[in-house]
N, C-alpha and C. Protein backbone atom coordinates (compact mmCIF):
# COMPACT_ATOMS: atom_id res chain seq x y z
N MET A 1 77.59 119.92 108.11
CA MET A 1 77.47 118.96 107.03
C MET A 1 76.14 118.96 106.36
N GLU A 2 75.15 119.46 106.51
CA GLU A 2 73.82 119.42 105.34
C GLU A 2 74.75 119.35 103.97
N GLU A 3 75.53 120.00 104.03
CA GLU A 3 75.90 120.70 102.64
C GLU A 3 76.61 120.15 102.19
N ILE A 4 77.47 119.13 102.73
CA ILE A 4 78.69 117.99 101.97
C ILE A 4 77.88 116.38 101.86
N LYS A 5 76.33 116.72 103.10
CA LYS A 5 75.19 115.46 101.89
C LYS A 5 75.19 115.43 100.62
N TRP A 6 74.64 117.21 100.88
CA TRP A 6 73.79 117.17 99.30
C TRP A 6 74.26 117.64 97.88
N HIS A 7 75.96 117.91 98.56
CA HIS A 7 77.24 117.85 97.33
C HIS A 7 77.18 116.75 96.97
N ASN A 8 77.27 115.46 98.23
CA ASN A 8 77.69 113.79 97.67
C ASN A 8 76.01 113.67 96.94
N ALA A 9 74.69 113.70 97.48
CA ALA A 9 73.27 113.50 96.71
C ALA A 9 74.04 113.71 94.51
N ARG A 10 73.79 115.41 94.72
CA ARG A 10 74.15 115.55 93.04
C ARG A 10 74.72 114.60 92.65
N GLU A 11 76.23 114.01 93.45
CA GLU A 11 77.07 114.00 92.57
C GLU A 11 76.49 112.02 92.07
N LEU A 12 76.78 111.86 93.57
CA LEU A 12 75.32 110.46 93.11
C LEU A 12 74.71 110.19 92.60
N ALA A 13 74.00 110.76 91.91
CA ALA A 13 72.91 111.15 91.30
C ALA A 13 73.13 111.44 89.58
N HIS A 14 74.05 112.14 89.56
CA HIS A 14 75.25 112.08 88.27
C HIS A 14 76.06 110.82 88.13
N ILE A 15 75.71 109.97 88.76
CA ILE A 15 77.14 109.05 88.82
C ILE A 15 75.86 107.59 88.24
N ILE A 16 74.84 108.00 88.38
CA ILE A 16 73.91 106.81 87.98
C ILE A 16 73.43 107.87 86.84
N ASN A 17 72.92 108.87 86.25
CA ASN A 17 73.05 109.06 85.35
C ASN A 17 74.12 109.34 84.09
N GLN A 18 75.05 109.51 84.22
CA GLN A 18 75.90 109.58 83.50
C GLN A 18 77.00 108.32 83.05
N TYR A 19 76.85 107.45 84.04
CA TYR A 19 77.91 106.34 83.72
C TYR A 19 76.49 105.06 83.27
N LYS A 20 76.85 103.78 82.83
CA LYS A 20 75.78 102.37 82.70
C LYS A 20 76.04 101.66 83.53
N LEU A 21 75.44 101.93 84.61
CA LEU A 21 75.54 101.10 85.71
C LEU A 21 75.20 99.35 86.34
N ASP A 22 75.29 98.03 86.88
CA ASP A 22 74.22 97.39 86.52
C ASP A 22 73.83 97.73 87.64
N LYS A 23 72.27 96.85 88.07
CA LYS A 23 71.26 97.32 88.89
C LYS A 23 71.77 97.48 90.35
N LYS A 24 72.69 95.84 90.13
CA LYS A 24 73.64 96.40 92.05
C LYS A 24 73.63 97.19 92.82
N TYR A 25 74.61 98.40 91.42
CA TYR A 25 75.65 99.38 92.14
C TYR A 25 74.00 100.63 91.83
N ILE A 26 72.92 100.05 91.48
CA ILE A 26 72.55 102.07 91.30
C ILE A 26 71.23 101.52 92.82
N LEU A 27 70.87 99.80 92.63
CA LEU A 27 70.44 100.19 94.14
C LEU A 27 71.36 100.00 95.52
N LEU A 28 72.31 99.81 94.98
CA LEU A 28 73.60 100.65 96.72
C LEU A 28 73.41 101.40 96.62
N ILE A 29 73.69 102.97 95.67
CA ILE A 29 73.58 104.17 95.81
C ILE A 29 72.41 104.46 96.75
N SER A 30 71.03 103.94 95.79
CA SER A 30 69.07 104.42 96.41
C SER A 30 69.25 103.73 97.68
N GLN A 31 70.21 103.64 97.78
CA GLN A 31 69.32 102.93 99.74
C GLN A 31 70.54 103.47 100.15
N PHE A 32 71.94 103.92 100.18
CA PHE A 32 72.35 105.20 100.54
C PHE A 32 71.80 106.25 100.87
N LEU A 33 71.47 106.71 99.53
CA LEU A 33 70.89 107.69 99.84
C LEU A 33 69.53 108.12 100.78
N ASN A 34 68.28 106.83 100.46
CA ASN A 34 67.38 106.84 101.34
C ASN A 34 67.45 106.95 102.65
N LYS A 35 69.01 106.11 102.86
CA LYS A 35 69.34 106.00 104.67
C LYS A 35 70.21 107.33 104.79
N SER A 36 70.85 107.94 104.55
CA SER A 36 71.02 108.87 105.07
C SER A 36 70.87 110.49 105.17
N VAL A 37 69.72 110.55 105.02
CA VAL A 37 69.30 111.66 105.75
C VAL A 37 69.36 112.00 106.67
N ASP A 38 68.94 110.71 107.63
CA ASP A 38 68.50 110.03 108.93
C ASP A 38 69.47 110.23 110.05
N LYS A 39 70.73 110.35 109.35
CA LYS A 39 72.51 109.33 109.78
C LYS A 39 72.77 110.57 110.13
N ASP A 40 73.64 110.52 111.82
CA ASP A 40 74.28 111.72 111.60
C ASP A 40 75.73 111.53 111.71
N ASP A 41 76.80 112.39 111.73
CA ASP A 41 78.00 112.19 111.25
C ASP A 41 79.01 111.08 111.04
N ALA A 42 78.75 110.60 111.99
CA ALA A 42 80.20 109.33 112.38
C ALA A 42 79.37 107.87 111.10
N ASN A 43 78.34 107.88 111.29
CA ASN A 43 77.72 106.56 110.95
C ASN A 43 77.39 106.97 109.12
N TYR A 44 77.58 108.47 108.81
CA TYR A 44 77.05 108.77 107.46
C TYR A 44 78.43 108.71 106.05
N TYR A 45 79.88 109.03 107.32
CA TYR A 45 81.03 109.07 106.94
C TYR A 45 81.17 107.07 106.33
N LYS A 46 80.79 106.94 107.84
CA LYS A 46 81.44 105.10 108.13
C LYS A 46 80.69 104.95 106.62
N ASP A 47 78.97 104.72 106.59
CA ASP A 47 78.73 104.16 105.44
C ASP A 47 78.86 104.51 103.57
N LEU A 48 79.39 105.18 104.06
CA LEU A 48 79.83 106.35 102.51
C LEU A 48 81.53 106.12 102.20
N ASP A 49 81.95 105.56 103.23
CA ASP A 49 83.16 104.89 102.87
C ASP A 49 83.27 103.67 102.13
N LYS A 50 81.69 102.34 103.07
CA LYS A 50 81.62 101.56 102.61
C LYS A 50 80.71 101.40 101.00
N LEU A 51 80.16 102.14 100.14
CA LEU A 51 79.75 102.07 99.62
C LEU A 51 80.61 102.82 98.26
N LYS A 52 81.54 103.50 98.62
CA LYS A 52 83.02 103.86 97.62
C LYS A 52 83.85 102.83 97.08
N LYS A 53 83.87 102.04 98.65
CA LYS A 53 84.61 100.42 98.44
C LYS A 53 83.42 99.56 97.64
N LYS A 54 82.30 99.46 97.62
CA LYS A 54 81.73 98.61 96.46
C LYS A 54 81.32 98.67 95.32
N LEU A 55 81.79 100.19 94.83
CA LEU A 55 81.38 101.06 93.16
C LEU A 55 82.59 101.26 92.87
N ARG A 56 84.19 100.48 93.89
CA ARG A 56 85.06 100.64 92.82
C ARG A 56 86.00 99.31 91.81
N PRO A 57 84.54 98.03 92.03
CA PRO A 57 84.86 98.03 90.47
C PRO A 57 84.57 98.38 89.03
N VAL A 58 83.00 99.92 89.80
CA VAL A 58 82.47 99.53 88.00
C VAL A 58 83.91 100.39 87.48
N ALA A 59 83.61 100.61 86.36
CA ALA A 59 84.70 101.12 84.76
C ALA A 59 85.02 102.86 85.42
N HIS A 60 85.98 102.88 85.54
CA HIS A 60 86.51 104.81 85.74
C HIS A 60 85.68 104.91 86.93
N SER A 61 86.09 104.19 88.33
CA SER A 61 85.66 104.19 89.06
C SER A 61 86.40 105.10 89.97
N SER A 62 86.91 105.81 89.81
CA SER A 62 88.83 106.60 89.82
C SER A 62 88.36 107.42 89.64
N ILE A 63 87.61 108.06 88.27
CA ILE A 63 87.61 109.14 88.01
C ILE A 63 86.05 109.96 89.14
N PHE A 64 85.38 109.76 89.64
CA PHE A 64 84.08 109.67 90.09
C PHE A 64 83.90 109.33 91.75
N LEU A 65 84.24 108.95 91.84
CA LEU A 65 84.72 108.83 93.19
C LEU A 65 85.56 109.68 93.64
N GLY A 66 86.35 110.29 93.57
CA GLY A 66 86.95 111.06 93.38
C GLY A 66 86.54 112.99 94.42
N TYR A 67 85.23 112.69 93.83
CA TYR A 67 83.95 113.60 93.71
C TYR A 67 83.71 113.63 94.80
N LEU A 68 83.68 112.52 95.66
CA LEU A 68 82.69 112.20 96.65
C LEU A 68 83.31 112.36 97.20
N SER A 69 82.76 113.60 99.03
CA SER A 69 83.13 114.31 99.72
C SER A 69 83.32 112.81 101.31
N ILE A 70 83.81 112.83 101.57
CA ILE A 70 83.89 112.23 103.21
C ILE A 70 84.49 113.01 104.44
N GLY A 71 84.23 114.04 103.65
CA GLY A 71 84.51 115.38 105.25
C GLY A 71 86.01 115.35 105.90
N LEU A 72 86.37 116.89 105.43
CA LEU A 72 87.38 117.00 105.41
C LEU A 72 87.98 116.98 106.58
N SER A 73 87.59 116.98 108.35
CA SER A 73 88.54 116.57 109.72
C SER A 73 88.87 115.31 108.70
N LYS A 74 88.26 114.29 108.35
CA LYS A 74 88.46 112.79 108.13
C LYS A 74 90.02 112.69 107.54
N GLN A 75 89.11 113.35 106.12
CA GLN A 75 90.40 112.58 105.50
C GLN A 75 91.46 113.96 105.75
N THR A 76 91.25 115.12 105.66
CA THR A 76 92.88 115.14 106.03
C THR A 76 93.47 114.38 106.90
N LYS A 77 92.42 114.01 108.19
CA LYS A 77 93.98 113.46 109.16
C LYS A 77 94.18 112.50 108.57
N GLU A 78 93.54 111.58 108.11
CA GLU A 78 93.93 110.15 107.28
C GLU A 78 95.09 110.50 106.76
N SER A 79 94.37 111.41 104.99
CA SER A 79 96.02 111.28 104.22
C SER A 79 97.46 111.94 104.87
N GLU A 80 97.34 113.16 106.20
CA GLU A 80 98.40 112.98 105.98
C GLU A 80 99.41 111.85 106.94
N SER A 81 98.03 111.29 107.36
CA SER A 81 99.10 110.51 108.34
C SER A 81 99.56 108.94 106.58
N ILE A 82 98.91 108.96 105.69
CA ILE A 82 99.15 108.26 105.14
C ILE A 82 101.25 109.07 104.12
N LEU A 83 101.11 110.08 103.57
CA LEU A 83 102.46 110.67 103.05
C LEU A 83 103.21 110.71 104.16
N ASP A 84 103.25 111.25 105.30
CA ASP A 84 103.60 111.24 106.05
C ASP A 84 103.91 110.19 106.61
N ASN A 85 104.09 109.26 106.22
CA ASN A 85 104.83 107.96 106.82
C ASN A 85 105.31 107.29 105.44
N THR A 86 104.91 108.03 103.77
CA THR A 86 106.20 107.03 102.85
C THR A 86 106.80 107.65 102.30
N PRO A 87 108.17 106.33 102.22
CA PRO A 87 108.99 106.46 102.78
C PRO A 87 110.16 107.60 101.19
N ALA A 88 110.62 107.96 101.59
CA ALA A 88 110.86 109.64 100.69
C ALA A 88 111.49 108.86 99.32
N ASN A 89 112.09 107.22 99.21
CA ASN A 89 112.75 107.23 97.73
C ASN A 89 111.50 106.51 97.07
N ARG A 90 110.00 106.28 97.10
CA ARG A 90 108.90 105.61 96.63
C ARG A 90 108.93 106.30 95.09
N ILE A 91 108.41 106.05 94.48
CA ILE A 91 108.28 106.22 93.06
C ILE A 91 106.91 106.44 92.93
N ILE A 92 106.27 108.02 92.35
CA ILE A 92 104.94 107.71 92.40
C ILE A 92 105.84 109.32 90.87
N SER A 93 104.37 109.52 90.52
CA SER A 93 104.09 110.02 88.74
C SER A 93 103.23 111.25 88.48
N ALA A 94 103.22 112.05 87.90
CA ALA A 94 102.01 112.82 87.69
C ALA A 94 102.17 112.98 86.28
N THR A 95 100.72 112.71 86.14
CA THR A 95 100.18 113.20 84.70
C THR A 95 99.76 114.73 84.26
N TYR A 96 100.51 114.25 82.73
CA TYR A 96 100.22 115.79 82.26
C TYR A 96 99.85 115.63 81.07
N PHE A 97 98.73 117.07 80.55
CA PHE A 97 98.15 117.34 79.11
C PHE A 97 98.47 118.45 79.00
N ARG A 98 98.94 117.94 77.40
CA ARG A 98 99.28 119.56 76.74
C ARG A 98 98.22 120.86 76.15
N MET A 99 98.71 121.61 76.30
CA MET A 99 97.86 122.44 76.13
C MET A 99 97.70 123.40 74.89
N LEU A 100 96.12 123.82 74.38
CA LEU A 100 95.95 124.61 73.62
C LEU A 100 97.11 125.42 72.65
N PRO A 101 98.01 125.22 71.90
CA PRO A 101 98.61 126.17 71.61
C PRO A 101 98.16 127.61 70.91
N LYS A 102 98.72 128.65 71.41
CA LYS A 102 97.99 130.24 71.39
C LYS A 102 97.91 130.39 70.22
N SER A 103 98.41 129.49 69.12
CA SER A 103 99.06 129.76 67.76
C SER A 103 98.70 128.34 66.27
N TYR A 104 97.06 128.02 67.73
CA TYR A 104 97.11 127.03 66.94
C TYR A 104 96.85 127.37 65.91
N CYS A 105 96.71 126.50 64.99
CA CYS A 105 95.45 126.09 63.95
C CYS A 105 94.74 125.06 63.62
N CYS A 106 93.73 125.20 62.89
CA CYS A 106 92.56 124.64 62.93
C CYS A 106 93.05 122.71 61.90
N ARG A 107 93.57 123.10 61.28
CA ARG A 107 94.14 122.99 60.35
C ARG A 107 95.79 121.55 60.74
N ARG A 108 95.96 122.15 61.71
CA ARG A 108 97.36 121.62 61.66
C ARG A 108 98.11 122.32 62.97
N ASP A 109 98.16 121.10 64.05
CA ASP A 109 98.93 121.34 64.72
C ASP A 109 100.17 120.46 64.93
N ARG A 110 101.46 122.03 64.92
CA ARG A 110 102.72 122.05 64.76
C ARG A 110 103.54 121.25 65.62
N TYR A 111 103.10 120.72 66.39
CA TYR A 111 103.61 120.04 67.81
C TYR A 111 103.42 118.35 67.89
N ILE A 112 102.81 117.99 66.93
CA ILE A 112 102.12 116.48 66.75
C ILE A 112 103.36 116.22 66.32
N GLY A 113 103.82 114.70 66.60
CA GLY A 113 104.92 114.05 65.76
C GLY A 113 106.70 115.30 66.83
N ARG A 114 107.05 115.81 66.91
CA ARG A 114 107.53 116.30 67.79
C ARG A 114 108.33 115.52 68.54
N VAL A 115 109.59 115.52 69.34
CA VAL A 115 109.69 114.35 70.05
C VAL A 115 109.33 114.99 71.04
N ARG A 116 109.34 113.97 72.37
CA ARG A 116 108.08 114.95 73.38
C ARG A 116 110.05 115.14 74.50
N PRO A 117 109.49 115.93 75.00
CA PRO A 117 110.65 116.49 76.42
C PRO A 117 110.88 115.44 77.08
N ASP A 118 112.51 115.19 77.76
CA ASP A 118 113.22 113.84 78.71
C ASP A 118 112.76 114.32 80.06
N ILE A 119 111.85 114.43 80.01
CA ILE A 119 111.31 115.19 81.60
C ILE A 119 110.30 114.38 81.69
N PHE A 120 109.48 114.00 80.44
CA PHE A 120 108.03 112.80 80.54
C PHE A 120 109.11 111.57 80.13
N ILE A 121 108.56 109.97 80.37
CA ILE A 121 109.26 108.64 80.23
C ILE A 121 108.59 108.60 79.25
N HIS A 122 108.77 107.80 78.26
CA HIS A 122 108.47 107.35 77.39
C HIS A 122 107.44 106.23 77.53
N ASP A 123 106.24 105.66 76.00
CA ASP A 123 105.17 105.39 76.35
C ASP A 123 105.84 103.25 75.88
N HIS A 124 105.27 103.09 76.96
CA HIS A 124 105.56 101.60 77.18
C HIS A 124 104.64 100.60 76.84
N SER A 125 104.82 99.12 76.55
CA SER A 125 104.00 97.96 75.64
C SER A 125 103.96 97.67 77.62
N ILE A 126 103.42 96.54 77.49
CA ILE A 126 103.43 95.25 78.37
C ILE A 126 104.57 94.69 78.73
N SER A 127 105.30 94.03 77.36
CA SER A 127 106.12 94.36 77.52
C SER A 127 107.24 94.37 77.55
N GLY A 128 107.37 95.68 77.81
CA GLY A 128 108.61 96.06 78.06
C GLY A 128 108.49 97.20 77.08
N ALA A 129 108.22 97.17 76.01
CA ALA A 129 108.69 97.76 74.37
C ALA A 129 108.90 99.15 74.32
N VAL A 130 109.37 100.11 74.21
CA VAL A 130 108.97 101.30 74.32
C VAL A 130 108.23 101.65 72.86
N VAL A 131 107.14 102.17 72.86
CA VAL A 131 105.97 102.18 71.87
C VAL A 131 106.21 103.62 71.00
N SER A 132 106.54 104.74 72.43
CA SER A 132 106.44 106.18 71.16
C SER A 132 107.42 106.87 71.94
N ASN A 133 108.37 107.74 71.31
CA ASN A 133 108.53 109.29 72.48
C ASN A 133 107.91 110.04 71.58
N ILE A 134 107.12 110.56 70.68
CA ILE A 134 106.66 111.40 70.59
C ILE A 134 105.78 112.36 70.50
N ILE A 135 105.22 113.57 70.37
CA ILE A 135 104.08 114.37 70.79
C ILE A 135 102.84 114.07 70.80
N GLY A 136 102.05 113.32 70.20
CA GLY A 136 100.33 113.78 70.01
C GLY A 136 99.65 114.95 70.45
N HIS A 137 98.27 114.40 69.88
CA HIS A 137 96.71 115.03 70.09
C HIS A 137 97.12 115.54 71.92
N LEU A 138 95.90 116.42 72.01
CA LEU A 138 95.84 117.46 72.72
C LEU A 138 95.57 116.54 73.70
N ASP A 139 94.41 114.93 73.67
CA ASP A 139 94.08 114.44 74.25
C ASP A 139 95.29 112.93 75.01
N LYS A 140 96.34 112.88 74.93
CA LYS A 140 97.81 112.29 74.73
C LYS A 140 97.57 113.29 75.97
N SER A 141 98.31 112.62 77.33
CA SER A 141 99.10 112.09 78.23
C SER A 141 100.38 112.07 78.33
N TYR A 142 101.27 112.87 79.67
CA TYR A 142 102.25 112.44 79.58
C TYR A 142 102.51 111.97 80.89
N THR A 143 103.57 111.29 81.30
CA THR A 143 104.21 111.24 82.69
C THR A 143 105.40 111.58 83.25
N MET A 144 105.20 112.05 84.54
CA MET A 144 106.93 112.50 84.72
C MET A 144 107.11 111.31 85.88
N CYS A 145 108.03 110.39 86.46
CA CYS A 145 108.28 110.03 87.34
C CYS A 145 109.31 110.23 88.06
N LYS A 146 108.72 110.85 89.96
CA LYS A 146 109.92 111.62 90.12
C LYS A 146 109.57 110.18 92.17
N THR A 147 110.73 110.86 92.74
CA THR A 147 110.70 110.69 94.18
C THR A 147 110.02 111.20 95.21
N PHE A 148 108.91 110.15 96.41
CA PHE A 148 107.88 110.95 96.83
C PHE A 148 109.30 111.98 97.70
N GLY A 149 107.84 113.00 97.54
CA GLY A 149 108.30 114.80 98.25
C GLY A 149 109.09 115.87 96.99
N TYR A 150 108.96 115.71 95.44
CA TYR A 150 109.38 116.41 95.22
C TYR A 150 107.70 117.49 94.91
N ASP A 151 108.03 118.12 94.11
CA ASP A 151 107.20 119.19 94.05
C ASP A 151 106.63 119.50 92.25
N PHE A 152 105.85 119.15 91.67
CA PHE A 152 105.41 118.51 90.55
C PHE A 152 104.74 119.57 90.47
N PRO A 153 105.33 120.81 88.71
CA PRO A 153 104.99 122.19 88.83
C PRO A 153 103.00 121.78 88.26
N GLU A 154 102.78 123.27 88.81
CA GLU A 154 100.78 123.01 88.11
C GLU A 154 101.15 122.87 86.36
N ILE A 155 102.10 123.95 86.16
CA ILE A 155 102.16 123.96 84.21
C ILE A 155 103.99 123.88 84.05
N ILE A 156 104.19 123.69 82.82
CA ILE A 156 105.31 122.87 82.78
C ILE A 156 105.39 124.09 81.37
N ASN A 157 106.87 124.45 80.93
CA ASN A 157 106.47 125.47 79.72
C ASN A 157 107.74 124.94 79.05
N ILE A 158 108.08 124.25 77.68
CA ILE A 158 109.36 123.69 76.99
C ILE A 158 108.72 123.53 76.16
N ASP A 159 109.79 123.90 75.18
CA ASP A 159 110.00 123.75 73.79
C ASP A 159 109.42 124.37 73.22
N SER A 160 108.78 125.79 73.13
CA SER A 160 107.87 126.07 72.53
C SER A 160 106.03 125.79 73.63
N MET A 161 106.03 125.12 74.34
CA MET A 161 104.51 124.04 74.80
C MET A 161 104.63 124.17 76.07
N THR A 162 103.60 123.65 75.81
CA THR A 162 102.89 123.71 77.32
C THR A 162 102.10 122.75 78.49
N PHE A 163 102.48 122.32 79.26
CA PHE A 163 102.28 120.96 79.60
C PHE A 163 101.31 121.67 81.02
N LYS A 164 99.94 120.74 80.81
CA LYS A 164 99.13 121.46 82.76
C LYS A 164 98.53 119.66 83.26
N LEU A 165 99.08 120.47 85.40
CA LEU A 165 98.52 118.60 85.78
C LEU A 165 97.63 118.41 85.95
N TYR A 166 97.50 117.34 85.51
CA TYR A 166 96.30 116.50 85.43
C TYR A 166 95.95 115.83 86.65
N ASP A 167 96.60 114.92 87.00
CA ASP A 167 97.18 114.27 88.67
C ASP A 167 98.43 113.30 88.82
N ILE A 168 97.90 113.51 90.28
CA ILE A 168 100.10 112.68 90.68
C ILE A 168 99.53 111.17 91.33
N TYR A 169 99.80 110.83 91.28
CA TYR A 169 99.74 109.14 91.24
C TYR A 169 100.79 108.11 91.72
N ASP A 170 100.13 107.30 93.20
CA ASP A 170 101.61 106.93 94.16
C ASP A 170 101.10 105.09 93.52
N PRO A 171 101.20 104.68 92.99
CA PRO A 171 101.03 102.86 92.22
C PRO A 171 100.82 102.43 94.03
N ILE A 172 101.15 102.18 94.82
CA ILE A 172 101.22 101.40 95.92
C ILE A 172 99.49 101.50 96.44
N LEU A 173 99.37 103.08 96.46
CA LEU A 173 98.63 103.61 97.17
C LEU A 173 96.71 102.89 96.41
N THR A 174 96.98 103.94 95.35
CA THR A 174 95.83 103.92 93.90
C THR A 174 95.45 102.62 94.21
N GLU A 175 96.48 101.78 93.24
CA GLU A 175 95.91 100.36 92.27
C GLU A 175 95.45 99.43 94.27
N ALA A 176 96.17 99.46 95.47
CA ALA A 176 95.46 98.96 96.32
C ALA A 176 93.46 99.03 96.98
N ALA A 177 93.59 100.30 95.92
CA ALA A 177 92.04 101.77 96.56
C ALA A 177 92.44 101.91 97.97
N ILE A 178 93.97 102.70 98.38
CA ILE A 178 93.13 102.47 99.68
C ILE A 178 93.05 104.04 99.30
N MET A 179 93.46 104.69 97.73
CA MET A 179 93.30 106.48 98.18
C MET A 179 92.52 106.98 96.03
N THR A 180 92.18 107.33 95.42
CA THR A 180 91.84 108.08 94.13
C THR A 180 93.04 108.50 94.00
N SER A 181 93.56 108.22 92.69
CA SER A 181 94.23 109.39 91.95
C SER A 181 93.99 110.84 92.55
N GLN A 182 92.85 110.97 92.04
CA GLN A 182 92.70 112.73 92.82
C GLN A 182 92.37 112.90 93.57
N GLU A 183 91.82 111.42 94.68
CA GLU A 183 92.26 112.08 96.39
C GLU A 183 93.87 112.07 96.94
N TYR A 184 94.47 111.41 96.15
CA TYR A 184 96.21 111.34 96.37
C TYR A 184 96.66 113.00 96.66
N THR A 185 95.85 113.29 94.86
CA THR A 185 96.16 114.85 93.80
C THR A 185 96.48 115.59 94.99
N ILE A 186 95.26 115.96 95.87
CA ILE A 186 94.85 116.89 96.90
C ILE A 186 95.66 116.99 97.96
N ALA A 187 95.66 115.45 98.41
CA ALA A 187 96.48 114.83 99.37
C ALA A 187 97.61 115.21 99.31
N TYR A 188 97.96 115.33 98.82
CA TYR A 188 100.15 115.45 98.47
C TYR A 188 100.75 117.35 97.68
N LYS A 189 99.51 117.71 97.37
CA LYS A 189 99.10 119.42 96.78
C LYS A 189 99.74 120.02 98.86
N ASP A 190 98.53 119.23 99.48
CA ASP A 190 98.63 119.47 101.06
C ASP A 190 99.72 119.42 101.14
N TYR A 191 100.47 117.92 101.45
CA TYR A 191 102.06 117.73 101.87
C TYR A 191 102.53 119.03 101.27
N ILE A 192 102.71 118.89 100.22
CA ILE A 192 103.96 119.34 99.86
C ILE A 192 103.76 121.37 100.34
N LYS A 193 102.72 121.52 100.74
CA LYS A 193 102.46 123.32 101.06
C LYS A 193 103.10 123.11 102.71
N ARG A 194 102.44 122.34 102.96
CA ARG A 194 102.81 122.19 104.64
C ARG A 194 103.96 121.57 104.99
N ARG A 195 104.64 120.69 104.52
CA ARG A 195 106.40 121.04 104.08
C ARG A 195 106.73 122.17 103.99
N GLN A 196 106.76 122.92 102.47
CA GLN A 196 107.37 124.16 102.41
C GLN A 196 107.27 125.15 103.83
N ASN A 197 105.97 125.07 104.60
CA ASN A 197 105.54 126.08 105.17
C ASN A 197 105.88 125.51 106.75
N ASP A 198 107.02 124.61 107.05
CA ASP A 198 107.37 123.68 108.29
C ASP A 198 109.18 124.92 108.36
N VAL A 199 109.13 124.48 106.78
CA VAL A 199 110.98 125.09 106.22
C VAL A 199 111.43 126.45 106.61
N ALA A 200 109.52 127.28 106.19
CA ALA A 200 109.88 128.55 106.47
C ALA A 200 109.66 129.26 107.32
N VAL A 201 109.41 128.49 108.57
CA VAL A 201 109.08 129.17 110.17
C VAL A 201 110.26 129.10 110.78
C-alpha cells in the first residue's frame, strides 16, 4: 500500500510540474497529498477516485490519469466486471504508430505518401468526408476498428512497414469518463488473456 501511495505522489507531483494547471487543480492535488498520508486503504482509494474525476476536465487528463494506481484488487475487479458485460457487437478501436524503419534516412522517409494499409480506417473530418488515406510522418497515428473481443496485435508488419499498438479505445466507456484509454487498454489485454486461458483449459 505504501508503494502505491508513493507512486501516486510522484505522479501527482509530475502533473503539477509538467502541466499548466489552474490554481484550483493544484490546490485539489495538494490537499489530497497532505491528507493521504494518514488515511486507511479504503478511504485513500475513495478520495483518489474523487480526485481523478475532478481532474478529468484538465486538457490531456486521459494521458496522465492513467498512470495513477487505484489499487490492483479494486481496479481488477471493476475492470473484469465491465468487460465481461460488454456486448460482442460493440465496436472498439486501437491506435497504432508507425515505427522507425531500419533503413530510415534522415533526409527522406520513403514510406511517407504511400497508401495506408486497408486494415486502418481513413482519416475523416467532422462532416464525414475522407481527409487522408496516406502514410504520414512517424508521429501520425492510425486507427483499426474491430468488434469487442478481437485480439489486437502488439506489432503489425505489413507492406514493409511496422506499426506498434499504442492504446485500445471503447468510445462508450472512455467518453463517459468511466475509464481512460490507458486503463481500458490494460483491462482489455487482461480480458483477452483470461479468455484465451479459459479456452485452453
